[in-house]
Amino acid sequence: MQCQSVFTHITDEYLAVERLRSELRQEHLSYIICYYTEEYDFRAIRSAFLRYFPGVPFHGSSSCQAIMTDQGFHVGPVIAAMAIYDSGPHAYGTGISNCEENECVSVALDMALQNANRIGEVPNLILLHATPGKEEKIIESIDERFGTLVPIIGGSAADNHIEGKWSVI
């Protein structure tokens, strides 16, 4: 597994994602994690990722005012991506739901497992981004679902001034 991060301050979502694509290697591209500041429309980012990275699973979350990469601290407006390259056997799946109830969490988990071709398995790792105040309930639902502790990384989506302008894709 290898990783590569890129970022841009281009404010047009389609042009920004197109720039990210132009800077990322495409061979063995297995998964993309995207972060962006609140100035971006998450719907347009999602649409641009579907257009420029067809068939590549991705996950994204808004960030508060800036993003840090291996290249430094980037004050917004900014959008960044971390690409994961994997040439061996691997499984990356994504799922999303707009509520924190057990049933909704289960739907998102089923979606991710299906997208990873791992239905019925317990994940080795979950990357979780949730909106503020929802995280603990979602984690409880994940623990209940699998009956064992699954390592979880990630965090809360954020905006610049805690005004509810956060988003997850």
N, C-alpha and C. Protein backbone atom coordinates (compact mmCIF):
# COMPACT_ATOMS: atom_id res chain seq x y z
N MET A 1 0.84 -1.17 0.00
CA MET A 1 0.00 0.00 0.00
C MET A 1 0.89 1.24 0.00
N GLN A 2 0.49 2.21 -0.80
CA GLN A 2 1.17 3.51 -0.84
C GLN A 2 0.12 4.60 -0.79
N CYS A 3 0.52 5.77 -0.33
CA CYS A 3 -0.39 6.91 -0.25
C CYS A 3 0.24 8.12 -0.92
N GLN A 4 -0.60 9.00 -1.42
CA GLN A 4 -0.16 10.25 -2.02
C GLN A 4 -1.19 11.31 -1.68
N SER A 5 -0.74 12.49 -1.26
CA SER A 5 -1.69 13.57 -0.98
C SER A 5 -1.45 14.73 -1.93
N VAL A 6 -2.54 15.39 -2.27
CA VAL A 6 -2.51 16.56 -3.14
C VAL A 6 -3.54 17.56 -2.61
N PHE A 7 -3.37 18.81 -2.98
CA PHE A 7 -4.33 19.84 -2.56
C PHE A 7 -4.38 20.94 -3.60
N THR A 8 -5.45 21.74 -3.54
CA THR A 8 -5.57 22.90 -4.41
C THR A 8 -6.45 23.94 -3.73
N HIS A 9 -6.21 25.18 -4.11
CA HIS A 9 -7.04 26.29 -3.62
C HIS A 9 -8.03 26.74 -4.69
N ILE A 10 -8.13 26.02 -5.79
CA ILE A 10 -9.12 26.34 -6.82
C ILE A 10 -10.50 26.24 -6.19
N THR A 11 -11.34 27.25 -6.39
CA THR A 11 -12.64 27.26 -5.71
C THR A 11 -13.78 26.65 -6.52
N ASP A 12 -13.61 26.46 -7.80
CA ASP A 12 -14.62 25.75 -8.59
C ASP A 12 -14.44 24.26 -8.34
N GLU A 13 -15.48 23.61 -7.84
CA GLU A 13 -15.37 22.21 -7.42
C GLU A 13 -14.91 21.29 -8.55
N TYR A 14 -15.47 21.44 -9.74
CA TYR A 14 -15.09 20.56 -10.85
C TYR A 14 -13.65 20.80 -11.28
N LEU A 15 -13.25 22.06 -11.36
CA LEU A 15 -11.86 22.35 -11.73
C LEU A 15 -10.90 21.89 -10.64
N ALA A 16 -11.31 22.02 -9.39
CA ALA A 16 -10.46 21.58 -8.28
C ALA A 16 -10.25 20.08 -8.31
N VAL A 17 -11.32 19.31 -8.47
CA VAL A 17 -11.20 17.85 -8.50
C VAL A 17 -10.45 17.41 -9.76
N GLU A 18 -10.66 18.11 -10.86
CA GLU A 18 -9.90 17.80 -12.07
C GLU A 18 -8.41 18.02 -11.83
N ARG A 19 -8.04 19.07 -11.11
CA ARG A 19 -6.64 19.34 -10.77
C ARG A 19 -6.10 18.22 -9.88
N LEU A 20 -6.87 17.83 -8.87
CA LEU A 20 -6.43 16.73 -8.00
C LEU A 20 -6.16 15.49 -8.83
N ARG A 21 -7.07 15.17 -9.76
CA ARG A 21 -6.90 13.99 -10.61
C ARG A 21 -5.62 14.10 -11.43
N SER A 22 -5.34 15.28 -11.96
CA SER A 22 -4.16 15.44 -12.81
C SER A 22 -2.86 15.25 -12.03
N GLU A 23 -2.91 15.43 -10.72
CA GLU A 23 -1.71 15.30 -9.89
C GLU A 23 -1.58 13.93 -9.23
N LEU A 24 -2.62 13.12 -9.32
CA LEU A 24 -2.58 11.79 -8.72
C LEU A 24 -2.24 10.73 -9.76
N ARG A 25 -1.40 9.79 -9.36
CA ARG A 25 -1.16 8.62 -10.21
C ARG A 25 -2.47 7.85 -10.32
N GLN A 26 -2.72 7.24 -11.45
CA GLN A 26 -3.97 6.50 -11.63
C GLN A 26 -3.78 4.99 -11.47
N GLU A 27 -2.56 4.51 -11.70
CA GLU A 27 -2.31 3.07 -11.62
C GLU A 27 -2.47 2.57 -10.19
N HIS A 28 -3.29 1.54 -10.00
CA HIS A 28 -3.56 0.90 -8.71
C HIS A 28 -4.26 1.83 -7.71
N LEU A 29 -4.89 2.89 -8.21
CA LEU A 29 -5.65 3.78 -7.33
C LEU A 29 -6.84 3.00 -6.77
N SER A 30 -6.88 2.85 -5.45
CA SER A 30 -7.87 1.98 -4.81
C SER A 30 -8.90 2.73 -3.98
N TYR A 31 -8.54 3.89 -3.44
CA TYR A 31 -9.45 4.60 -2.54
C TYR A 31 -8.98 6.04 -2.41
N ILE A 32 -9.92 6.96 -2.24
CA ILE A 32 -9.57 8.37 -2.07
C ILE A 32 -10.31 8.92 -0.85
N ILE A 33 -9.57 9.63 -0.02
CA ILE A 33 -10.15 10.34 1.11
C ILE A 33 -10.00 11.83 0.81
N CYS A 34 -11.10 12.56 0.91
CA CYS A 34 -11.12 13.97 0.53
C CYS A 34 -11.53 14.84 1.71
N TYR A 35 -10.85 15.95 1.88
CA TYR A 35 -11.23 16.95 2.87
C TYR A 35 -11.33 18.30 2.17
N TYR A 36 -12.24 19.13 2.63
CA TYR A 36 -12.49 20.42 2.00
C TYR A 36 -13.04 21.38 3.05
N THR A 37 -12.82 22.67 2.83
CA THR A 37 -13.36 23.67 3.75
C THR A 37 -14.77 24.05 3.32
N GLU A 38 -15.48 24.73 4.20
CA GLU A 38 -16.91 24.97 4.01
C GLU A 38 -17.27 25.80 2.78
N GLU A 39 -16.30 26.45 2.16
CA GLU A 39 -16.60 27.27 0.98
C GLU A 39 -17.05 26.43 -0.21
N TYR A 40 -16.81 25.13 -0.16
CA TYR A 40 -17.15 24.24 -1.27
C TYR A 40 -18.53 23.62 -1.08
N ASP A 41 -19.19 23.37 -2.20
CA ASP A 41 -20.48 22.68 -2.20
C ASP A 41 -20.21 21.18 -2.25
N PHE A 42 -20.57 20.49 -1.17
CA PHE A 42 -20.27 19.06 -1.09
C PHE A 42 -20.95 18.26 -2.20
N ARG A 43 -22.12 18.71 -2.65
CA ARG A 43 -22.81 18.00 -3.74
C ARG A 43 -22.00 18.08 -5.03
N ALA A 44 -21.43 19.24 -5.30
CA ALA A 44 -20.61 19.41 -6.50
C ALA A 44 -19.31 18.61 -6.39
N ILE A 45 -18.73 18.56 -5.19
CA ILE A 45 -17.51 17.76 -5.00
C ILE A 45 -17.82 16.29 -5.27
N ARG A 46 -18.90 15.80 -4.71
CA ARG A 46 -19.29 14.40 -4.93
C ARG A 46 -19.49 14.11 -6.42
N SER A 47 -20.19 15.00 -7.08
CA SER A 47 -20.44 14.84 -8.52
C SER A 47 -19.13 14.84 -9.31
N ALA A 48 -18.22 15.73 -8.94
CA ALA A 48 -16.93 15.81 -9.63
C ALA A 48 -16.10 14.54 -9.40
N PHE A 49 -16.12 14.01 -8.19
CA PHE A 49 -15.40 12.76 -7.93
C PHE A 49 -15.98 11.61 -8.74
N LEU A 50 -17.29 11.54 -8.82
CA LEU A 50 -17.91 10.49 -9.64
C LEU A 50 -17.50 10.63 -11.10
N ARG A 51 -17.37 11.86 -11.56
CA ARG A 51 -17.00 12.11 -12.96
C ARG A 51 -15.52 11.80 -13.23
N TYR A 52 -14.64 12.31 -12.38
CA TYR A 52 -13.20 12.21 -12.65
C TYR A 52 -12.54 10.96 -12.09
N PHE A 53 -13.22 10.26 -11.20
CA PHE A 53 -12.68 9.02 -10.63
C PHE A 53 -13.72 7.91 -10.69
N PRO A 54 -14.20 7.59 -11.89
CA PRO A 54 -15.24 6.56 -12.00
C PRO A 54 -14.74 5.22 -11.47
N GLY A 55 -15.57 4.59 -10.66
CA GLY A 55 -15.23 3.27 -10.14
C GLY A 55 -14.29 3.26 -8.95
N VAL A 56 -13.82 4.43 -8.51
CA VAL A 56 -12.91 4.50 -7.37
C VAL A 56 -13.71 4.93 -6.14
N PRO A 57 -13.74 4.11 -5.09
CA PRO A 57 -14.47 4.52 -3.89
C PRO A 57 -13.81 5.74 -3.25
N PHE A 58 -14.64 6.63 -2.73
CA PHE A 58 -14.11 7.82 -2.06
C PHE A 58 -14.98 8.16 -0.86
N HIS A 59 -14.39 8.94 0.01
CA HIS A 59 -15.04 9.35 1.26
C HIS A 59 -14.54 10.75 1.55
N GLY A 60 -15.40 11.63 2.01
CA GLY A 60 -14.95 12.98 2.27
C GLY A 60 -15.68 13.65 3.41
N SER A 61 -15.06 14.71 3.93
CA SER A 61 -15.62 15.44 5.05
C SER A 61 -15.14 16.88 5.01
N SER A 62 -16.02 17.78 5.44
CA SER A 62 -15.62 19.18 5.54
C SER A 62 -14.70 19.36 6.75
N SER A 63 -13.89 20.41 6.67
CA SER A 63 -12.89 20.69 7.70
C SER A 63 -13.02 22.15 8.14
N CYS A 64 -12.55 22.45 9.33
CA CYS A 64 -12.62 23.80 9.88
C CYS A 64 -11.46 24.66 9.40
N GLN A 65 -11.72 25.55 8.47
CA GLN A 65 -10.83 26.61 8.02
C GLN A 65 -9.57 26.21 7.28
N ALA A 66 -9.11 24.98 7.42
CA ALA A 66 -7.84 24.60 6.80
C ALA A 66 -7.70 23.09 6.74
N ILE A 67 -6.66 22.65 6.04
CA ILE A 67 -6.35 21.22 5.93
C ILE A 67 -4.84 21.07 6.05
N MET A 68 -4.41 20.02 6.72
CA MET A 68 -2.99 19.73 6.82
C MET A 68 -2.68 18.49 6.00
N THR A 69 -1.64 18.57 5.21
CA THR A 69 -1.15 17.43 4.44
C THR A 69 0.33 17.24 4.75
N ASP A 70 0.94 16.27 4.11
CA ASP A 70 2.38 16.07 4.28
C ASP A 70 3.17 17.24 3.69
N GLN A 71 2.48 18.11 2.93
CA GLN A 71 3.14 19.26 2.33
C GLN A 71 2.94 20.54 3.14
N GLY A 72 2.22 20.45 4.26
CA GLY A 72 2.06 21.61 5.12
C GLY A 72 0.62 21.89 5.49
N PHE A 73 0.42 23.09 6.06
CA PHE A 73 -0.88 23.56 6.54
C PHE A 73 -1.45 24.50 5.49
N HIS A 74 -2.67 24.23 5.03
CA HIS A 74 -3.26 24.97 3.92
C HIS A 74 -4.56 25.63 4.38
N VAL A 75 -4.54 26.95 4.48
CA VAL A 75 -5.72 27.70 4.91
C VAL A 75 -6.70 27.76 3.75
N GLY A 76 -7.99 27.65 4.07
CA GLY A 76 -9.04 27.62 3.06
C GLY A 76 -9.32 28.97 2.44
N PRO A 77 -10.03 28.92 1.33
CA PRO A 77 -10.65 27.73 0.76
C PRO A 77 -9.60 26.78 0.19
N VAL A 78 -9.78 25.49 0.51
CA VAL A 78 -8.85 24.46 0.05
C VAL A 78 -9.58 23.12 0.00
N ILE A 79 -9.17 22.31 -0.94
CA ILE A 79 -9.66 20.94 -1.04
C ILE A 79 -8.44 20.05 -1.22
N ALA A 80 -8.43 18.93 -0.52
CA ALA A 80 -7.28 18.02 -0.57
C ALA A 80 -7.76 16.59 -0.67
N ALA A 81 -6.88 15.75 -1.18
CA ALA A 81 -7.20 14.32 -1.29
C ALA A 81 -5.99 13.50 -0.90
N MET A 82 -6.26 12.39 -0.23
CA MET A 82 -5.24 11.40 0.02
C MET A 82 -5.65 10.15 -0.75
N ALA A 83 -4.81 9.78 -1.69
CA ALA A 83 -5.08 8.60 -2.51
C ALA A 83 -4.35 7.41 -1.91
N ILE A 84 -5.04 6.28 -1.91
CA ILE A 84 -4.45 5.02 -1.45
C ILE A 84 -4.30 4.11 -2.65
N TYR A 85 -3.09 3.62 -2.83
CA TYR A 85 -2.77 2.73 -3.95
C TYR A 85 -2.49 1.34 -3.38
N ASP A 86 -3.11 0.36 -3.97
CA ASP A 86 -2.97 -1.00 -3.47
C ASP A 86 -2.99 -1.95 -4.65
N SER A 87 -1.88 -2.63 -4.90
CA SER A 87 -1.82 -3.54 -6.06
C SER A 87 -2.09 -4.98 -5.67
N GLY A 88 -2.07 -5.28 -4.38
CA GLY A 88 -2.34 -6.64 -3.92
C GLY A 88 -3.81 -6.81 -3.59
N PRO A 89 -4.15 -7.93 -2.97
CA PRO A 89 -5.54 -8.14 -2.57
C PRO A 89 -5.97 -7.05 -1.57
N HIS A 90 -7.11 -6.46 -1.82
CA HIS A 90 -7.60 -5.40 -0.94
C HIS A 90 -9.11 -5.28 -1.07
N ALA A 91 -9.70 -4.58 -0.12
CA ALA A 91 -11.14 -4.33 -0.15
C ALA A 91 -11.42 -2.99 0.50
N TYR A 92 -11.91 -2.06 -0.29
CA TYR A 92 -12.29 -0.74 0.19
C TYR A 92 -13.74 -0.53 -0.20
N GLY A 93 -14.57 -0.20 0.75
CA GLY A 93 -15.97 0.05 0.46
C GLY A 93 -16.44 1.29 1.19
N THR A 94 -17.43 1.96 0.63
CA THR A 94 -17.98 3.15 1.27
C THR A 94 -19.48 3.00 1.45
N GLY A 95 -19.98 3.64 2.48
CA GLY A 95 -21.41 3.67 2.73
C GLY A 95 -21.76 4.97 3.44
N ILE A 96 -22.96 5.46 3.22
CA ILE A 96 -23.37 6.72 3.84
C ILE A 96 -24.85 6.65 4.18
N SER A 97 -25.21 7.31 5.26
CA SER A 97 -26.60 7.40 5.69
C SER A 97 -26.78 8.75 6.36
N ASN A 98 -28.00 9.27 6.34
CA ASN A 98 -28.20 10.62 6.88
C ASN A 98 -28.82 10.64 8.27
N CYS A 99 -28.69 9.58 9.03
CA CYS A 99 -29.15 9.62 10.42
C CYS A 99 -28.28 8.68 11.26
N GLU A 100 -28.42 8.76 12.59
CA GLU A 100 -27.56 7.95 13.46
C GLU A 100 -28.29 6.78 14.11
N GLU A 101 -29.53 6.53 13.73
CA GLU A 101 -30.27 5.41 14.29
C GLU A 101 -29.61 4.10 13.86
N ASN A 102 -29.76 3.05 14.70
CA ASN A 102 -29.15 1.75 14.41
C ASN A 102 -29.44 1.28 12.99
N GLU A 103 -30.69 1.42 12.56
CA GLU A 103 -31.08 0.94 11.23
C GLU A 103 -30.31 1.68 10.13
N CYS A 104 -30.16 2.99 10.28
CA CYS A 104 -29.43 3.78 9.28
C CYS A 104 -27.95 3.43 9.27
N VAL A 105 -27.38 3.23 10.45
CA VAL A 105 -25.97 2.84 10.53
C VAL A 105 -25.79 1.48 9.87
N SER A 106 -26.71 0.57 10.11
CA SER A 106 -26.65 -0.75 9.51
C SER A 106 -26.72 -0.67 7.99
N VAL A 107 -27.57 0.22 7.47
CA VAL A 107 -27.67 0.41 6.01
C VAL A 107 -26.33 0.88 5.45
N ALA A 108 -25.70 1.85 6.11
CA ALA A 108 -24.40 2.36 5.65
C ALA A 108 -23.33 1.27 5.72
N LEU A 109 -23.33 0.48 6.79
CA LEU A 109 -22.36 -0.62 6.91
C LEU A 109 -22.59 -1.67 5.83
N ASP A 110 -23.85 -2.02 5.59
CA ASP A 110 -24.15 -2.99 4.53
C ASP A 110 -23.69 -2.48 3.17
N MET A 111 -23.91 -1.19 2.92
CA MET A 111 -23.49 -0.58 1.66
C MET A 111 -21.97 -0.68 1.50
N ALA A 112 -21.23 -0.35 2.56
CA ALA A 112 -19.77 -0.40 2.50
C ALA A 112 -19.28 -1.83 2.30
N LEU A 113 -19.85 -2.77 3.03
CA LEU A 113 -19.42 -4.17 2.89
C LEU A 113 -19.75 -4.71 1.51
N GLN A 114 -20.90 -4.34 0.98
CA GLN A 114 -21.26 -4.78 -0.37
C GLN A 114 -20.31 -4.17 -1.40
N ASN A 115 -20.02 -2.87 -1.27
CA ASN A 115 -19.10 -2.22 -2.21
C ASN A 115 -17.70 -2.80 -2.15
N ALA A 116 -17.33 -3.36 -0.99
CA ALA A 116 -16.01 -3.97 -0.83
C ALA A 116 -16.03 -5.47 -1.14
N ASN A 117 -17.19 -5.99 -1.54
CA ASN A 117 -17.36 -7.43 -1.77
C ASN A 117 -16.99 -8.23 -0.52
N ARG A 118 -17.43 -7.75 0.64
CA ARG A 118 -17.13 -8.41 1.91
C ARG A 118 -18.39 -8.59 2.77
N ILE A 119 -19.51 -8.87 2.13
CA ILE A 119 -20.77 -9.05 2.85
C ILE A 119 -20.60 -10.16 3.90
N GLY A 120 -21.07 -9.88 5.11
CA GLY A 120 -21.01 -10.87 6.19
C GLY A 120 -19.71 -10.87 6.98
N GLU A 121 -18.74 -10.09 6.57
CA GLU A 121 -17.46 -10.04 7.27
C GLU A 121 -17.42 -8.89 8.27
N VAL A 122 -16.49 -8.98 9.21
CA VAL A 122 -16.22 -7.89 10.14
C VAL A 122 -15.05 -7.09 9.56
N PRO A 123 -15.21 -5.79 9.40
CA PRO A 123 -14.12 -4.98 8.82
C PRO A 123 -12.88 -4.98 9.70
N ASN A 124 -11.72 -4.84 9.08
CA ASN A 124 -10.47 -4.68 9.82
C ASN A 124 -10.32 -3.26 10.36
N LEU A 125 -10.96 -2.30 9.69
CA LEU A 125 -10.85 -0.89 10.05
C LEU A 125 -12.04 -0.15 9.46
N ILE A 126 -12.56 0.82 10.19
CA ILE A 126 -13.62 1.69 9.68
C ILE A 126 -13.13 3.13 9.74
N LEU A 127 -13.24 3.83 8.60
CA LEU A 127 -13.01 5.26 8.55
C LEU A 127 -14.38 5.91 8.70
N LEU A 128 -14.57 6.62 9.79
CA LEU A 128 -15.88 7.21 10.11
C LEU A 128 -15.77 8.72 10.21
N HIS A 129 -16.61 9.39 9.46
CA HIS A 129 -16.80 10.83 9.64
C HIS A 129 -18.29 11.03 9.86
N ALA A 130 -18.61 11.76 10.90
CA ALA A 130 -20.00 12.02 11.24
C ALA A 130 -20.16 13.50 11.53
N THR A 131 -21.40 13.94 11.53
CA THR A 131 -21.64 15.33 11.89
C THR A 131 -21.61 15.45 13.42
N PRO A 132 -21.25 16.63 13.92
CA PRO A 132 -21.08 16.81 15.37
C PRO A 132 -22.31 16.37 16.18
N GLY A 133 -22.02 15.67 17.28
CA GLY A 133 -23.05 15.21 18.18
C GLY A 133 -23.60 13.83 17.85
N LYS A 134 -23.22 13.27 16.72
CA LYS A 134 -23.76 11.98 16.28
C LYS A 134 -22.77 10.83 16.46
N GLU A 135 -21.51 11.14 16.72
CA GLU A 135 -20.45 10.15 16.67
C GLU A 135 -20.64 8.99 17.65
N GLU A 136 -20.91 9.31 18.91
CA GLU A 136 -20.99 8.26 19.93
C GLU A 136 -22.10 7.26 19.63
N LYS A 137 -23.26 7.76 19.23
CA LYS A 137 -24.38 6.88 18.91
C LYS A 137 -24.04 5.98 17.72
N ILE A 138 -23.36 6.52 16.73
CA ILE A 138 -22.97 5.73 15.56
C ILE A 138 -21.97 4.66 15.98
N ILE A 139 -20.99 5.02 16.80
CA ILE A 139 -20.00 4.04 17.26
C ILE A 139 -20.67 2.93 18.07
N GLU A 140 -21.61 3.29 18.93
CA GLU A 140 -22.36 2.27 19.67
C GLU A 140 -23.08 1.32 18.72
N SER A 141 -23.68 1.86 17.67
CA SER A 141 -24.39 1.02 16.70
C SER A 141 -23.43 0.09 15.96
N ILE A 142 -22.24 0.59 15.65
CA ILE A 142 -21.23 -0.25 14.99
C ILE A 142 -20.81 -1.38 15.92
N ASP A 143 -20.54 -1.06 17.18
CA ASP A 143 -20.16 -2.09 18.15
C ASP A 143 -21.25 -3.15 18.30
N GLU A 144 -22.51 -2.70 18.39
CA GLU A 144 -23.63 -3.64 18.50
C GLU A 144 -23.74 -4.52 17.26
N ARG A 145 -23.55 -3.94 16.11
CA ARG A 145 -23.70 -4.67 14.85
C ARG A 145 -22.72 -5.82 14.75
N PHE A 146 -21.45 -5.56 15.06
CA PHE A 146 -20.43 -6.58 14.86
C PHE A 146 -20.16 -7.42 16.10
N GLY A 147 -20.61 -6.98 17.26
CA GLY A 147 -20.43 -7.75 18.47
C GLY A 147 -18.99 -7.82 18.93
N THR A 148 -18.16 -7.01 18.37
CA THR A 148 -16.75 -6.94 18.74
C THR A 148 -16.28 -5.53 18.44
N LEU A 149 -15.16 -5.15 19.03
CA LEU A 149 -14.63 -3.82 18.77
C LEU A 149 -13.89 -3.81 17.43
N VAL A 150 -14.30 -2.94 16.55
CA VAL A 150 -13.63 -2.75 15.26
C VAL A 150 -12.88 -1.43 15.36
N PRO A 151 -11.59 -1.39 15.00
CA PRO A 151 -10.86 -0.13 15.04
C PRO A 151 -11.55 0.92 14.15
N ILE A 152 -11.72 2.11 14.71
CA ILE A 152 -12.37 3.21 13.99
C ILE A 152 -11.44 4.41 14.02
N ILE A 153 -11.23 5.02 12.85
CA ILE A 153 -10.49 6.27 12.76
C ILE A 153 -11.39 7.29 12.09
N GLY A 154 -11.01 8.55 12.14
CA GLY A 154 -11.80 9.59 11.49
C GLY A 154 -12.07 10.72 12.46
N GLY A 155 -13.25 11.29 12.37
CA GLY A 155 -13.59 12.40 13.25
C GLY A 155 -14.88 13.05 12.83
N SER A 156 -15.09 14.22 13.37
CA SER A 156 -16.31 14.97 13.08
C SER A 156 -16.10 15.88 11.89
N ALA A 157 -17.13 15.98 11.06
CA ALA A 157 -17.13 17.00 10.02
C ALA A 157 -17.16 18.35 10.73
N ALA A 158 -16.63 19.37 10.08
CA ALA A 158 -16.55 20.68 10.72
C ALA A 158 -16.84 21.78 9.71
N ASP A 159 -17.11 22.95 10.24
CA ASP A 159 -17.19 24.15 9.42
C ASP A 159 -16.36 25.23 10.11
N ASN A 160 -16.37 26.42 9.56
CA ASN A 160 -15.47 27.45 10.07
C ASN A 160 -15.89 28.07 11.40
N HIS A 161 -17.21 28.13 11.67
CA HIS A 161 -17.67 28.85 12.86
C HIS A 161 -18.76 28.10 13.63
N ILE A 162 -18.79 26.79 13.54
CA ILE A 162 -19.77 25.94 14.23
C ILE A 162 -21.20 26.45 13.97
N GLU A 163 -21.52 26.55 12.68
CA GLU A 163 -22.83 27.05 12.25
C GLU A 163 -23.65 26.00 11.50
N GLY A 164 -23.23 24.75 11.58
CA GLY A 164 -23.98 23.70 10.90
C GLY A 164 -23.74 23.62 9.41
N LYS A 165 -22.66 24.19 8.92
CA LYS A 165 -22.33 24.15 7.49
C LYS A 165 -21.41 22.98 7.15
N TRP A 166 -21.29 22.02 8.05
CA TRP A 166 -20.44 20.85 7.83
C TRP A 166 -21.13 19.87 6.90
N SER A 167 -20.35 18.97 6.34
CA SER A 167 -20.91 17.97 5.42
C SER A 167 -20.00 16.76 5.33
N VAL A 168 -20.59 15.66 4.89
CA VAL A 168 -19.87 14.41 4.68
C VAL A 168 -20.30 13.87 3.33
N ILE A 169 -19.33 13.37 2.55
CA ILE A 169 -19.67 12.72 1.27
C ILE A 169 -19.09 11.32 1.26
